[in-house]
PDB file of N, CA and C in Angstrom:
ATOM      1  N   MET A   1     -60.183  24.799  31.836  1.00  0.00           N
ATOM      2  CA  MET A   1     -59.174  23.983  32.450  1.00  0.00           C
ATOM      3  C   MET A   1     -58.164  23.591  31.376  1.00  0.00           C
ATOM      4  N   GLY A   2     -56.882  23.754  31.702  1.00  0.00           N
ATOM      5  CA  GLY A   2     -55.840  23.429  30.741  1.00  0.00           C
ATOM      6  C   GLY A   2     -54.723  22.640  31.393  1.00  0.00           C
ATOM      7  N   VAL A   3     -53.876  22.130  30.574  1.00  0.00           N
ATOM      8  CA  VAL A   3     -52.721  21.353  31.040  1.00  0.00           C
ATOM      9  C   VAL A   3     -51.458  22.150  30.734  1.00  0.00           C
ATOM     10  N   THR A   4     -50.597  22.259  31.714  1.00  0.00           N
ATOM     11  CA  THR A   4     -49.334  22.962  31.539  1.00  0.00           C
ATOM     12  C   THR A   4     -48.200  21.967  31.731  1.00  0.00           C
ATOM     13  N   ILE A   5     -47.294  21.969  30.801  1.00  0.00           N
ATOM     14  CA  ILE A   5     -46.136  21.082  30.896  1.00  0.00           C
ATOM     15  C   ILE A   5     -44.890  21.945  30.955  1.00  0.00           C
ATOM     16  N   ASP A   6     -44.075  21.728  31.961  1.00  0.00           N
ATOM     17  CA  ASP A   6     -42.826  22.473  32.124  1.00  0.00           C
ATOM     18  C   ASP A   6     -41.717  21.728  31.381  1.00  0.00           C
ATOM     19  N   THR A   7     -41.251  22.303  30.291  1.00  0.00           N
ATOM     20  CA  THR A   7     -40.195  21.672  29.495  1.00  0.00           C
ATOM     21  C   THR A   7     -38.846  22.371  29.677  1.00  0.00           C
ATOM     22  N   SER A   8     -38.727  23.201  30.682  1.00  0.00           N
ATOM     23  CA  SER A   8     -37.491  23.977  30.859  1.00  0.00           C
ATOM     24  C   SER A   8     -36.276  23.077  31.077  1.00  0.00           C
ATOM     25  N   GLU A   9     -36.449  22.007  31.854  1.00  0.00           N
ATOM     26  CA  GLU A   9     -35.319  21.104  32.087  1.00  0.00           C
ATOM     27  C   GLU A   9     -34.928  20.383  30.795  1.00  0.00           C
ATOM     28  N   PHE A  10     -35.916  19.989  30.045  1.00  0.00           N
ATOM     29  CA  PHE A  10     -35.650  19.327  28.767  1.00  0.00           C
ATOM     30  C   PHE A  10     -34.908  20.267  27.817  1.00  0.00           C
ATOM     31  N   ARG A  11     -35.361  21.513  27.735  1.00  0.00           N
ATOM     32  CA  ARG A  11     -34.699  22.487  26.863  1.00  0.00           C
ATOM     33  C   ARG A  11     -33.275  22.768  27.326  1.00  0.00           C
ATOM     34  N   ALA A  12     -33.074  22.854  28.616  1.00  0.00           N
ATOM     35  CA  ALA A  12     -31.724  23.085  29.155  1.00  0.00           C
ATOM     36  C   ALA A  12     -30.809  21.903  28.832  1.00  0.00           C
ATOM     37  N   ALA A  13     -31.341  20.680  28.975  1.00  0.00           N
ATOM     38  CA  ALA A  13     -30.543  19.488  28.664  1.00  0.00           C
ATOM     39  C   ALA A  13     -30.207  19.435  27.171  1.00  0.00           C
ATOM     40  N   ALA A  14     -31.176  19.775  26.333  1.00  0.00           N
ATOM     41  CA  ALA A  14     -30.939  19.781  24.887  1.00  0.00           C
ATOM     42  C   ALA A  14     -29.887  20.820  24.508  1.00  0.00           C
ATOM     43  N   ALA A  15     -29.945  21.982  25.131  1.00  0.00           N
ATOM     44  CA  ALA A  15     -28.955  23.025  24.855  1.00  0.00           C
ATOM     45  C   ALA A  15     -27.567  22.575  25.288  1.00  0.00           C
ATOM     46  N   ALA A  16     -27.470  21.956  26.452  1.00  0.00           N
ATOM     47  CA  ALA A  16     -26.174  21.464  26.941  1.00  0.00           C
ATOM     48  C   ALA A  16     -25.639  20.371  26.027  1.00  0.00           C
ATOM     49  N   MET A  17     -26.523  19.495  25.549  1.00  0.00           N
ATOM     50  CA  MET A  17     -26.104  18.433  24.641  1.00  0.00           C
ATOM     51  C   MET A  17     -25.609  19.030  23.326  1.00  0.00           C
ATOM     52  N   GLY A  18     -26.283  20.047  22.852  1.00  0.00           N
ATOM     53  CA  GLY A  18     -25.845  20.707  21.621  1.00  0.00           C
ATOM     54  C   GLY A  18     -24.461  21.304  21.769  1.00  0.00           C
ATOM     55  N   GLU A  19     -24.184  21.912  22.910  1.00  0.00           N
ATOM     56  CA  GLU A  19     -22.849  22.456  23.161  1.00  0.00           C
ATOM     57  C   GLU A  19     -21.816  21.344  23.195  1.00  0.00           C
ATOM     58  N   GLY A  20     -22.151  20.223  23.849  1.00  0.00           N
ATOM     59  CA  GLY A  20     -21.230  19.088  23.932  1.00  0.00           C
ATOM     60  C   GLY A  20     -20.935  18.505  22.557  1.00  0.00           C
ATOM     61  N   LEU A  21     -21.979  18.392  21.739  1.00  0.00           N
ATOM     62  CA  LEU A  21     -21.794  17.836  20.403  1.00  0.00           C
ATOM     63  C   LEU A  21     -20.975  18.765  19.505  1.00  0.00           C
ATOM     64  N   SER A  22     -21.067  20.062  19.731  1.00  0.00           N
ATOM     65  CA  SER A  22     -20.287  20.983  18.900  1.00  0.00           C
ATOM     66  C   SER A  22     -18.789  20.864  19.194  1.00  0.00           C
ATOM     67  N   ARG A  23     -18.417  20.414  20.394  1.00  0.00           N
ATOM     68  CA  ARG A  23     -17.009  20.221  20.750  1.00  0.00           C
ATOM     69  C   ARG A  23     -16.481  18.867  20.298  1.00  0.00           C
ATOM     70  N   LEU A  24     -17.372  17.977  19.926  1.00  0.00           N
ATOM     71  CA  LEU A  24     -17.013  16.601  19.612  1.00  0.00           C
ATOM     72  C   LEU A  24     -15.918  16.472  18.551  1.00  0.00           C
ATOM     73  N   PRO A  25     -16.013  17.115  17.387  1.00  0.00           N
ATOM     74  CA  PRO A  25     -14.954  16.936  16.378  1.00  0.00           C
ATOM     75  C   PRO A  25     -13.566  17.313  16.900  1.00  0.00           C
ATOM     76  N   ARG A  26     -13.474  18.413  17.628  1.00  0.00           N
ATOM     77  CA  ARG A  26     -12.174  18.855  18.148  1.00  0.00           C
ATOM     78  C   ARG A  26     -11.629  17.844  19.159  1.00  0.00           C
ATOM     79  N   GLU A  27     -12.484  17.339  20.013  1.00  0.00           N
ATOM     80  CA  GLU A  27     -12.046  16.399  21.043  1.00  0.00           C
ATOM     81  C   GLU A  27     -11.701  15.035  20.451  1.00  0.00           C
ATOM     82  N   VAL A  28     -12.447  14.599  19.442  1.00  0.00           N
ATOM     83  CA  VAL A  28     -12.118  13.341  18.767  1.00  0.00           C
ATOM     84  C   VAL A  28     -10.768  13.479  18.072  1.00  0.00           C
ATOM     85  N   ARG A  29     -10.532  14.602  17.430  1.00  0.00           N
ATOM     86  CA  ARG A  29      -9.244  14.833  16.764  1.00  0.00           C
ATOM     87  C   ARG A  29      -8.100  14.769  17.775  1.00  0.00           C
ATOM     88  N   ALA A  30      -8.306  15.307  18.970  1.00  0.00           N
ATOM     89  CA  ALA A  30      -7.278  15.256  20.012  1.00  0.00           C
ATOM     90  C   ALA A  30      -7.009  13.811  20.437  1.00  0.00           C
ATOM     91  N   VAL A  31      -8.040  12.989  20.504  1.00  0.00           N
ATOM     92  CA  VAL A  31      -7.868  11.579  20.858  1.00  0.00           C
ATOM     93  C   VAL A  31      -7.085  10.853  19.768  1.00  0.00           C
ATOM     94  N   VAL A  32      -7.425  11.109  18.510  1.00  0.00           N
ATOM     95  CA  VAL A  32      -6.703  10.492  17.393  1.00  0.00           C
ATOM     96  C   VAL A  32      -5.226  10.914  17.426  1.00  0.00           C
ATOM     97  N   SER A  33      -4.981  12.188  17.651  1.00  0.00           N
ATOM     98  CA  SER A  33      -3.609  12.691  17.704  1.00  0.00           C
ATOM     99  C   SER A  33      -2.825  12.055  18.849  1.00  0.00           C
ATOM    100  N   LYS A  34      -3.443  11.928  20.024  1.00  0.00           N
ATOM    101  CA  LYS A  34      -2.767  11.323  21.173  1.00  0.00           C
ATOM    102  C   LYS A  34      -2.456   9.858  20.907  1.00  0.00           C
ATOM    103  N   GLY A  35      -3.391   9.142  20.306  1.00  0.00           N
ATOM    104  CA  GLY A  35      -3.149   7.739  19.960  1.00  0.00           C
ATOM    105  C   GLY A  35      -2.007   7.595  18.976  1.00  0.00           C
ATOM    106  N   ALA A  36      -1.964   8.486  17.986  1.00  0.00           N
ATOM    107  CA  ALA A  36      -0.884   8.455  16.999  1.00  0.00           C
ATOM    108  C   ALA A  36       0.457   8.761  17.667  1.00  0.00           C
ATOM    109  N   LEU A  37       0.469   9.725  18.564  1.00  0.00           N
ATOM    110  CA  LEU A  37       1.699  10.057  19.287  1.00  0.00           C
ATOM    111  C   LEU A  37       2.173   8.875  20.131  1.00  0.00           C
ATOM    112  N   ASN A  38       1.248   8.202  20.799  1.00  0.00           N
ATOM    113  CA  ASN A  38       1.614   7.025  21.591  1.00  0.00           C
ATOM    114  C   ASN A  38       2.235   5.942  20.719  1.00  0.00           C
ATOM    115  N   MET A  39       1.636   5.705  19.548  1.00  0.00           N
ATOM    116  CA  MET A  39       2.183   4.688  18.638  1.00  0.00           C
ATOM    117  C   MET A  39       3.549   5.106  18.111  1.00  0.00           C
ATOM    118  N   LYS A  40       3.675   6.363  17.726  1.00  0.00           N
ATOM    119  CA  LYS A  40       4.960   6.878  17.234  1.00  0.00           C
ATOM    120  C   LYS A  40       6.055   6.668  18.284  1.00  0.00           C
ATOM    121  N   THR A  41       5.747   7.014  19.522  1.00  0.00           N
ATOM    122  CA  THR A  41       6.715   6.871  20.605  1.00  0.00           C
ATOM    123  C   THR A  41       7.111   5.408  20.798  1.00  0.00           C
ATOM    124  N   ALA A  42       6.124   4.516  20.794  1.00  0.00           N
ATOM    125  CA  ALA A  42       6.401   3.085  20.979  1.00  0.00           C
ATOM    126  C   ALA A  42       7.205   2.523  19.818  1.00  0.00           C
ATOM    127  N   MET A  43       6.875   2.919  18.596  1.00  0.00           N
ATOM    128  CA  MET A  43       7.591   2.409  17.431  1.00  0.00           C
ATOM    129  C   MET A  43       9.035   2.906  17.412  1.00  0.00           C
ATOM    130  N   ASN A  44       9.253   4.165  17.749  1.00  0.00           N
ATOM    131  CA  ASN A  44      10.622   4.679  17.826  1.00  0.00           C
ATOM    132  C   ASN A  44      11.402   3.962  18.928  1.00  0.00           C
ATOM    133  N   ALA A  45      10.744   3.649  20.052  1.00  0.00           N
ATOM    134  CA  ALA A  45      11.396   2.909  21.137  1.00  0.00           C
ATOM    135  C   ALA A  45      11.787   1.506  20.674  1.00  0.00           C
ATOM    136  N   ASP A  46      10.938   0.877  19.858  1.00  0.00           N
ATOM    137  CA  ASP A  46      11.273  -0.443  19.317  1.00  0.00           C
ATOM    138  C   ASP A  46      12.553  -0.377  18.491  1.00  0.00           C
ATOM    139  N   PHE A  47      12.691   0.648  17.682  1.00  0.00           N
ATOM    140  CA  PHE A  47      13.916   0.795  16.889  1.00  0.00           C
ATOM    141  C   PHE A  47      15.123   1.048  17.797  1.00  0.00           C
ATOM    142  N   ARG A  48      14.943   1.876  18.818  1.00  0.00           N
ATOM    143  CA  ARG A  48      16.043   2.174  19.747  1.00  0.00           C
ATOM    144  C   ARG A  48      16.571   0.909  20.431  1.00  0.00           C
ATOM    145  N   LYS A  49      15.674  -0.031  20.717  1.00  0.00           N
ATOM    146  CA  LYS A  49      16.044  -1.274  21.392  1.00  0.00           C
ATOM    147  C   LYS A  49      16.754  -2.257  20.459  1.00  0.00           C
ATOM    148  N   SER A  50      16.627  -2.073  19.175  1.00  0.00           N
ATOM    149  CA  SER A  50      17.174  -3.015  18.209  1.00  0.00           C
ATOM    150  C   SER A  50      18.681  -2.846  18.066  1.00  0.00           C
ATOM    151  N   ARG A  51      19.369  -3.949  18.106  1.00  0.00           N
ATOM    152  CA  ARG A  51      20.828  -3.939  17.940  1.00  0.00           C
ATOM    153  C   ARG A  51      21.237  -3.438  16.563  1.00  0.00           C
ATOM    154  N   HIS A  52      20.518  -3.870  15.539  1.00  0.00           N
ATOM    155  CA  HIS A  52      20.906  -3.571  14.161  1.00  0.00           C
ATOM    156  C   HIS A  52      20.156  -2.390  13.543  1.00  0.00           C
ATOM    157  N   PHE A  53      19.014  -2.018  14.101  1.00  0.00           N
ATOM    158  CA  PHE A  53      18.187  -0.992  13.458  1.00  0.00           C
ATOM    159  C   PHE A  53      17.976   0.241  14.328  1.00  0.00           C
ATOM    160  N   LYS A  54      18.806   0.433  15.344  1.00  0.00           N
ATOM    161  CA  LYS A  54      18.615   1.596  16.228  1.00  0.00           C
ATOM    162  C   LYS A  54      18.824   2.915  15.493  1.00  0.00           C
ATOM    163  N   GLY A  55      19.489   2.904  14.362  1.00  0.00           N
ATOM    164  CA  GLY A  55      19.673   4.119  13.561  1.00  0.00           C
ATOM    165  C   GLY A  55      18.371   4.644  12.959  1.00  0.00           C
ATOM    166  N   ILE A  56      17.365   3.796  12.934  1.00  0.00           N
ATOM    167  CA  ILE A  56      16.067   4.214  12.390  1.00  0.00           C
ATOM    168  C   ILE A  56      15.254   4.963  13.453  1.00  0.00           C
ATOM    169  N   ALA A  57      15.620   4.805  14.724  1.00  0.00           N
ATOM    170  CA  ALA A  57      14.882   5.476  15.808  1.00  0.00           C
ATOM    171  C   ALA A  57      14.791   6.965  15.514  1.00  0.00           C
ATOM    172  N   GLY A  58      13.624   7.486  15.654  1.00  0.00           N
ATOM    173  CA  GLY A  58      13.383   8.890  15.350  1.00  0.00           C
ATOM    174  C   GLY A  58      12.816   9.105  13.959  1.00  0.00           C
ATOM    175  N   ALA A  59      12.860   8.078  13.120  1.00  0.00           N
ATOM    176  CA  ALA A  59      12.338   8.207  11.753  1.00  0.00           C
ATOM    177  C   ALA A  59      10.823   8.037  11.700  1.00  0.00           C
ATOM    178  N   VAL A  60      10.241   7.530  12.768  1.00  0.00           N
ATOM    179  CA  VAL A  60       8.781   7.332  12.786  1.00  0.00           C
ATOM    180  C   VAL A  60       8.120   8.664  13.137  1.00  0.00           C
ATOM    181  N   SER A  61       7.128   9.023  12.349  1.00  0.00           N
ATOM    182  CA  SER A  61       6.363  10.242  12.606  1.00  0.00           C
ATOM    183  C   SER A  61       4.902   9.949  12.286  1.00  0.00           C
ATOM    184  N   TYR A  62       4.066  10.963  12.457  1.00  0.00           N
ATOM    185  CA  TYR A  62       2.675  10.790  12.058  1.00  0.00           C
ATOM    186  C   TYR A  62       2.162  12.094  11.460  1.00  0.00           C
ATOM    187  N   ASP A  63       1.206  11.948  10.566  1.00  0.00           N
ATOM    188  CA  ASP A  63       0.535  13.079   9.931  1.00  0.00           C
ATOM    189  C   ASP A  63      -0.952  12.966  10.211  1.00  0.00           C
ATOM    190  N   MET A  64      -1.551  14.090  10.539  1.00  0.00           N
ATOM    191  CA  MET A  64      -2.996  14.127  10.771  1.00  0.00           C
ATOM    192  C   MET A  64      -3.676  14.612   9.492  1.00  0.00           C
ATOM    193  N   ALA A  65      -4.829  14.046   9.225  1.00  0.00           N
ATOM    194  CA  ALA A  65      -5.656  14.482   8.103  1.00  0.00           C
ATOM    195  C   ALA A  65      -7.094  14.550   8.596  1.00  0.00           C
ATOM    196  N   GLY A  66      -7.928  15.173   7.825  1.00  0.00           N
ATOM    197  CA  GLY A  66      -9.340  15.212   8.169  1.00  0.00           C
ATOM    198  C   GLY A  66      -9.881  16.622   8.210  1.00  0.00           C
ATOM    199  N   ASN A  67     -11.115  16.705   8.678  1.00  0.00           N
ATOM    200  CA  ASN A  67     -11.805  17.989   8.777  1.00  0.00           C
ATOM    201  C   ASN A  67     -12.753  17.928   9.962  1.00  0.00           C
ATOM    202  N   ALA A  68     -13.788  18.702   9.955  1.00  0.00           N
ATOM    203  CA  ALA A  68     -14.712  18.744  11.091  1.00  0.00           C
ATOM    204  C   ALA A  68     -15.519  17.452  11.241  1.00  0.00           C
ATOM    205  N   TYR A  69     -15.508  16.592  10.241  1.00  0.00           N
ATOM    206  CA  TYR A  69     -16.336  15.395  10.285  1.00  0.00           C
ATOM    207  C   TYR A  69     -15.563  14.105  10.513  1.00  0.00           C
ATOM    208  N   TYR A  70     -14.278  14.100  10.267  1.00  0.00           N
ATOM    209  CA  TYR A  70     -13.485  12.901  10.531  1.00  0.00           C
ATOM    210  C   TYR A  70     -12.035  13.305  10.764  1.00  0.00           C
ATOM    211  N   SER A  71     -11.320  12.435  11.456  1.00  0.00           N
ATOM    212  CA  SER A  71      -9.896  12.633  11.686  1.00  0.00           C
ATOM    213  C   SER A  71      -9.200  11.306  11.459  1.00  0.00           C
ATOM    214  N   GLU A  72      -8.022  11.380  10.889  1.00  0.00           N
ATOM    215  CA  GLU A  72      -7.223  10.177  10.712  1.00  0.00           C
ATOM    216  C   GLU A  72      -5.759  10.530  10.881  1.00  0.00           C
ATOM    217  N   ALA A  73      -4.987   9.530  11.253  1.00  0.00           N
ATOM    218  CA  ALA A  73      -3.550   9.711  11.405  1.00  0.00           C
ATOM    219  C   ALA A  73      -2.846   8.615  10.620  1.00  0.00           C
ATOM    220  N   GLN A  74      -1.792   9.003   9.937  1.00  0.00           N
ATOM    221  CA  GLN A  74      -0.933   8.038   9.254  1.00  0.00           C
ATOM    222  C   GLN A  74       0.370   8.011  10.034  1.00  0.00           C
ATOM    223  N   ILE A  75       0.738   6.830  10.514  1.00  0.00           N
ATOM    224  CA  ILE A  75       1.879   6.677  11.399  1.00  0.00           C
ATOM    225  C   ILE A  75       2.869   5.722  10.754  1.00  0.00           C
ATOM    226  N   GLY A  76       4.137   6.092  10.744  1.00  0.00           N
ATOM    227  CA  GLY A  76       5.151   5.182  10.225  1.00  0.00           C
ATOM    228  C   GLY A  76       6.455   5.895   9.948  1.00  0.00           C
ATOM    229  N   PRO A  77       7.455   5.119   9.573  1.00  0.00           N
ATOM    230  CA  PRO A  77       8.761   5.699   9.248  1.00  0.00           C
ATOM    231  C   PRO A  77       8.676   6.580   8.008  1.00  0.00           C
ATOM    232  N   GLU A  78       9.396   7.673   8.044  1.00  0.00           N
ATOM    233  CA  GLU A  78       9.450   8.580   6.897  1.00  0.00           C
ATOM    234  C   GLU A  78      10.265   7.936   5.781  1.00  0.00           C
ATOM    235  N   LYS A  79       9.849   8.139   4.556  1.00  0.00           N
ATOM    236  CA  LYS A  79      10.603   7.618   3.413  1.00  0.00           C
ATOM    237  C   LYS A  79      11.931   8.342   3.308  1.00  0.00           C
ATOM    238  N   GLY A  80      12.912   7.639   2.809  1.00  0.00           N
ATOM    239  CA  GLY A  80      14.256   8.189   2.720  1.00  0.00           C
ATOM    240  C   GLY A  80      15.088   7.659   3.878  1.00  0.00           C
ATOM    241  N   ALA A  81      16.383   7.796   3.759  1.00  0.00           N
ATOM    242  CA  ALA A  81      17.268   7.282   4.814  1.00  0.00           C
ATOM    243  C   ALA A  81      16.987   8.026   6.099  1.00  0.00           C
ATOM    244  N   PRO A  82      16.939   7.404   7.233  1.00  0.00           N
ATOM    245  CA  PRO A  82      17.053   5.967   7.485  1.00  0.00           C
ATOM    246  C   PRO A  82      15.728   5.219   7.436  1.00  0.00           C
ATOM    247  N   GLY A  83      14.616   5.921   7.290  1.00  0.00           N
ATOM    248  CA  GLY A  83      13.306   5.287   7.347  1.00  0.00           C
ATOM    249  C   GLY A  83      13.060   4.225   6.303  1.00  0.00           C
ATOM    250  N   SER A  84      13.760   4.296   5.186  1.00  0.00           N
ATOM    251  CA  SER A  84      13.553   3.308   4.130  1.00  0.00           C
ATOM    252  C   SER A  84      13.996   1.911   4.545  1.00  0.00           C
ATOM    253  N   LEU A  85      14.799   1.800   5.581  1.00  0.00           N
ATOM    254  CA  LEU A  85      15.225   0.492   6.072  1.00  0.00           C
ATOM    255  C   LEU A  85      14.172  -0.169   6.964  1.00  0.00           C
ATOM    256  N   ALA A  86      13.133   0.547   7.289  1.00  0.00           N
ATOM    257  CA  ALA A  86      12.129   0.023   8.216  1.00  0.00           C
ATOM    258  C   ALA A  86      11.482  -1.250   7.686  1.00  0.00           C
ATOM    259  N   ASN A  87      11.256  -1.351   6.402  1.00  0.00           N
ATOM    260  CA  ASN A  87      10.641  -2.548   5.840  1.00  0.00           C
ATOM    261  C   ASN A  87      11.477  -3.777   6.163  1.00  0.00           C
ATOM    262  N   ILE A  88      12.790  -3.641   6.061  1.00  0.00           N
ATOM    263  CA  ILE A  88      13.680  -4.754   6.397  1.00  0.00           C
ATOM    264  C   ILE A  88      13.650  -5.016   7.898  1.00  0.00           C
ATOM    265  N   ALA A  89      13.640  -3.956   8.678  1.00  0.00           N
ATOM    266  CA  ALA A  89      13.599  -4.106  10.138  1.00  0.00           C
ATOM    267  C   ALA A  89      12.338  -4.845  10.575  1.00  0.00           C
ATOM    268  N   TYR A  90      11.221  -4.534   9.953  1.00  0.00           N
ATOM    269  CA  TYR A  90       9.962  -5.165  10.328  1.00  0.00           C
ATOM    270  C   TYR A  90       9.802  -6.570   9.751  1.00  0.00           C
ATOM    271  N   PHE A  91      10.070  -6.717   8.471  1.00  0.00           N
ATOM    272  CA  PHE A  91       9.711  -7.951   7.778  1.00  0.00           C
ATOM    273  C   PHE A  91      10.890  -8.809   7.350  1.00  0.00           C
ATOM    274  N   GLY A  92      12.091  -8.242   7.317  1.00  0.00           N
ATOM    275  CA  GLY A  92      13.282  -9.001   6.972  1.00  0.00           C
ATOM    276  C   GLY A  92      13.417  -9.290   5.495  1.00  0.00           C
ATOM    277  N   THR A  93      14.527  -9.914   5.171  1.00  0.00           N
ATOM    278  CA  THR A  93      14.816 -10.376   3.816  1.00  0.00           C
ATOM    279  C   THR A  93      15.364 -11.795   3.942  1.00  0.00           C
ATOM    280  N   SER A  94      15.802 -12.356   2.853  1.00  0.00           N
ATOM    281  CA  SER A  94      16.398 -13.695   2.905  1.00  0.00           C
ATOM    282  C   SER A  94      17.711 -13.681   3.677  1.00  0.00           C
ATOM    283  N   ARG A  95      18.281 -12.510   3.886  1.00  0.00           N
ATOM    284  CA  ARG A  95      19.557 -12.395   4.599  1.00  0.00           C
ATOM    285  C   ARG A  95      19.400 -11.970   6.056  1.00  0.00           C
ATOM    286  N   GLY A  96      18.184 -11.791   6.510  1.00  0.00           N
ATOM    287  CA  GLY A  96      17.988 -11.432   7.915  1.00  0.00           C
ATOM    288  C   GLY A  96      17.043 -10.270   8.075  1.00  0.00           C
ATOM    289  N   GLY A  97      17.057  -9.706   9.265  1.00  0.00           N
ATOM    290  CA  GLY A  97      16.136  -8.627   9.591  1.00  0.00           C
ATOM    291  C   GLY A  97      14.865  -9.181  10.181  1.00  0.00           C
ATOM    292  N   GLY A  98      13.858  -8.381  10.185  1.00  0.00           N
ATOM    293  CA  GLY A  98      12.577  -8.815  10.727  1.00  0.00           C
ATOM    294  C   GLY A  98      12.593  -8.960  12.237  1.00  0.00           C
ATOM    295  N   THR A  99      13.447  -8.207  12.901  1.00  0.00           N
ATOM    296  CA  THR A  99      13.608  -8.352  14.354  1.00  0.00           C
ATOM    297  C   THR A  99      12.907  -7.266  15.159  1.00  0.00           C
ATOM    298  N   VAL A 100      12.378  -6.244  14.507  1.00  0.00           N
ATOM    299  CA  VAL A 100      11.711  -5.147  15.211  1.00  0.00           C
ATOM    300  C   VAL A 100      10.210  -5.463  15.278  1.00  0.00           C
ATOM    301  N   THR A 101       9.601  -5.143  16.415  1.00  0.00           N
ATOM    302  CA  THR A 101       8.182  -5.430  16.646  1.00  0.00           C
ATOM    303  C   THR A 101       7.317  -4.864  15.523  1.00  0.00           C
ATOM    304  N   ASP A 102       6.437  -5.689  15.011  1.00  0.00           N
ATOM    305  CA  ASP A 102       5.522  -5.309  13.936  1.00  0.00           C
ATOM    306  C   ASP A 102       4.633  -4.156  14.401  1.00  0.00           C
ATOM    307  N   PRO A 103       4.409  -3.136  13.559  1.00  0.00           N
ATOM    308  CA  PRO A 103       3.538  -2.019  13.938  1.00  0.00           C
ATOM    309  C   PRO A 103       2.124  -2.444  14.319  1.00  0.00           C
ATOM    310  N   GLN A 104       1.658  -3.578  13.795  1.00  0.00           N
ATOM    311  CA  GLN A 104       0.316  -4.056  14.155  1.00  0.00           C
ATOM    312  C   GLN A 104       0.231  -4.334  15.654  1.00  0.00           C
ATOM    313  N   VAL A 105       1.322  -4.805  16.237  1.00  0.00           N
ATOM    314  CA  VAL A 105       1.354  -5.057  17.680  1.00  0.00           C
ATOM    315  C   VAL A 105       1.170  -3.744  18.432  1.00  0.00           C
ATOM    316  N   ARG A 106       1.811  -2.687  17.964  1.00  0.00           N
ATOM    317  CA  ARG A 106       1.671  -1.379  18.618  1.00  0.00           C
ATOM    318  C   ARG A 106       0.247  -0.853  18.469  1.00  0.00           C
ATOM    319  N   LEU A 107      -0.364  -1.090  17.306  1.00  0.00           N
ATOM    320  CA  LEU A 107      -1.761  -0.692  17.110  1.00  0.00           C
ATOM    321  C   LEU A 107      -2.675  -1.462  18.062  1.00  0.00           C
ATOM    322  N   ASP A 108      -2.435  -2.758  18.186  1.00  0.00           N
ATOM    323  CA  ASP A 108      -3.235  -3.576  19.097  1.00  0.00           C
ATOM    324  C   ASP A 108      -3.043  -3.123  20.550  1.00  0.00           C
ATOM    325  N   ASP A 109      -1.827  -2.722  20.908  1.00  0.00           N
ATOM    326  CA  ASP A 109      -1.558  -2.228  22.262  1.00  0.00           C
ATOM    327  C   ASP A 109      -2.303  -0.922  22.536  1.00  0.00           C
ATOM    328  N   GLU A 110      -2.369  -0.058  21.536  1.00  0.00           N
ATOM    329  CA  GLU A 110      -2.971   1.263  21.714  1.00  0.00           C
ATOM    330  C   GLU A 110      -4.493   1.220  21.644  1.00  0.00           C
ATOM    331  N   ALA A 111      -5.056   0.247  20.980  1.00  0.00           N
ATOM    332  CA  ALA A 111      -6.501   0.196  20.731  1.00  0.00           C
ATOM    333  C   ALA A 111      -7.355   0.332  21.993  1.00  0.00           C
ATOM    334  N   PRO A 112      -7.082  -0.385  23.085  1.00  0.00           N
ATOM    335  CA  PRO A 112      -7.943  -0.221  24.270  1.00  0.00           C
ATOM    336  C   PRO A 112      -7.902   1.198  24.851  1.00  0.00           C
ATOM    337  N   ARG A 113      -6.734   1.818  24.888  1.00  0.00           N
ATOM    338  CA  ARG A 113      -6.633   3.200  25.398  1.00  0.00           C
ATOM    339  C   ARG A 113      -7.391   4.154  24.485  1.00  0.00           C
ATOM    340  N   PHE A 114      -7.251   3.963  23.186  1.00  0.00           N
ATOM    341  CA  PHE A 114      -7.926   4.792  22.190  1.00  0.00           C
ATOM    342  C   PHE A 114      -9.444   4.672  22.329  1.00  0.00           C
ATOM    343  N   GLU A 115      -9.914   3.441  22.420  1.00  0.00           N
ATOM    344  CA  GLU A 115     -11.356   3.206  22.552  1.00  0.00           C
ATOM    345  C   GLU A 115     -11.896   3.816  23.841  1.00  0.00           C
ATOM    346  N   GLN A 116     -11.152   3.688  24.934  1.00  0.00           N
ATOM    347  CA  GLN A 116     -11.579   4.257  26.213  1.00  0.00           C
ATOM    348  C   GLN A 116     -11.662   5.781  26.120  1.00  0.00           C
ATOM    349  N   ALA A 117     -10.660   6.392  25.497  1.00  0.00           N
ATOM    350  CA  ALA A 117     -10.653   7.853  25.361  1.00  0.00           C
ATOM    351  C   ALA A 117     -11.822   8.322  24.501  1.00  0.00           C
ATOM    352  N   LEU A 118     -12.124   7.600  23.418  1.00  0.00           N
ATOM    353  CA  LEU A 118     -13.279   7.962  22.581  1.00  0.00           C
ATOM    354  C   LEU A 118     -14.586   7.803  23.349  1.00  0.00           C
ATOM    355  N   ALA A 119     -14.689   6.756  24.147  1.00  0.00           N
ATOM    356  CA  ALA A 119     -15.899   6.552  24.946  1.00  0.00           C
ATOM    357  C   ALA A 119     -16.086   7.690  25.948  1.00  0.00           C
ATOM    358  N   GLU A 120     -14.996   8.146  26.551  1.00  0.00           N
ATOM    359  CA  GLU A 120     -15.079   9.258  27.507  1.00  0.00           C
ATOM    360  C   GLU A 120     -15.520  10.549  26.816  1.00  0.00           C
ATOM    361  N   VAL A 121     -15.002  10.782  25.610  1.00  0.00           N
ATOM    362  CA  VAL A 121     -15.404  11.982  24.849  1.00  0.00           C
ATOM    363  C   VAL A 121     -16.891  11.902  24.517  1.00  0.00           C
ATOM    364  N   ALA A 122     -17.341  10.745  24.060  1.00  0.00           N
ATOM    365  CA  ALA A 122     -18.757  10.581  23.698  1.00  0.00           C
ATOM    366  C   ALA A 122     -19.656  10.752  24.925  1.00  0.00           C
ATOM    367  N   GLU A 123     -19.240  10.167  26.041  1.00  0.00           N
ATOM    368  CA  GLU A 123     -20.046  10.271  27.256  1.00  0.00           C
ATOM    369  C   GLU A 123     -20.154  11.720  27.714  1.00  0.00           C
ATOM    370  N   LYS A 124     -19.027  12.425  27.642  1.00  0.00           N
ATOM    371  CA  LYS A 124     -19.017  13.835  28.051  1.00  0.00           C
ATOM    372  C   LYS A 124     -19.895  14.671  27.123  1.00  0.00           C
ATOM    373  N   ALA A 125     -19.922  14.308  25.851  1.00  0.00           N
ATOM    374  CA  ALA A 125     -20.699  15.091  24.877  1.00  0.00           C
ATOM    375  C   ALA A 125     -22.205  14.988  25.113  1.00  0.00           C
ATOM    376  N   VAL A 126     -22.652  13.849  25.603  1.00  0.00           N
ATOM    377  CA  VAL A 126     -24.099  13.666  25.771  1.00  0.00           C
ATOM    378  C   VAL A 126     -24.558  13.853  27.208  1.00  0.00           C
ATOM    379  N   SER A 127     -23.624  14.138  28.107  1.00  0.00           N
ATOM    380  CA  SER A 127     -24.056  14.320  29.513  1.00  0.00           C
ATOM    381  C   SER A 127     -24.134  15.786  29.878  1.00  0.00           C
TER     382      SER A 127
END
């Protein structure tokens, strides 16, 4: 008399999970890129709305970095004219400025969408 255990469903689930996890780095990178694009768009729109700093609109860009294990985006105005004026637009000087929405506000606005997208990727990877 022996005991037989059917592990076929377990093996199938493990194989599917392995496939999902192998797609994870690419999908996380896409989420990071989309979040960076959303911030870039919002920051450029902030400059467009500004009476004095609308010439900076379009100077905001983002660069992606990373590899199969992590992804990061650097978002902000490009150095050189007109992007070099962004510091004054954001923070001002003794003579004025500081009228454009701080980039931290845009990051805070994007955070819930970013977190939701990452949660969806993670859920899809393990289901």
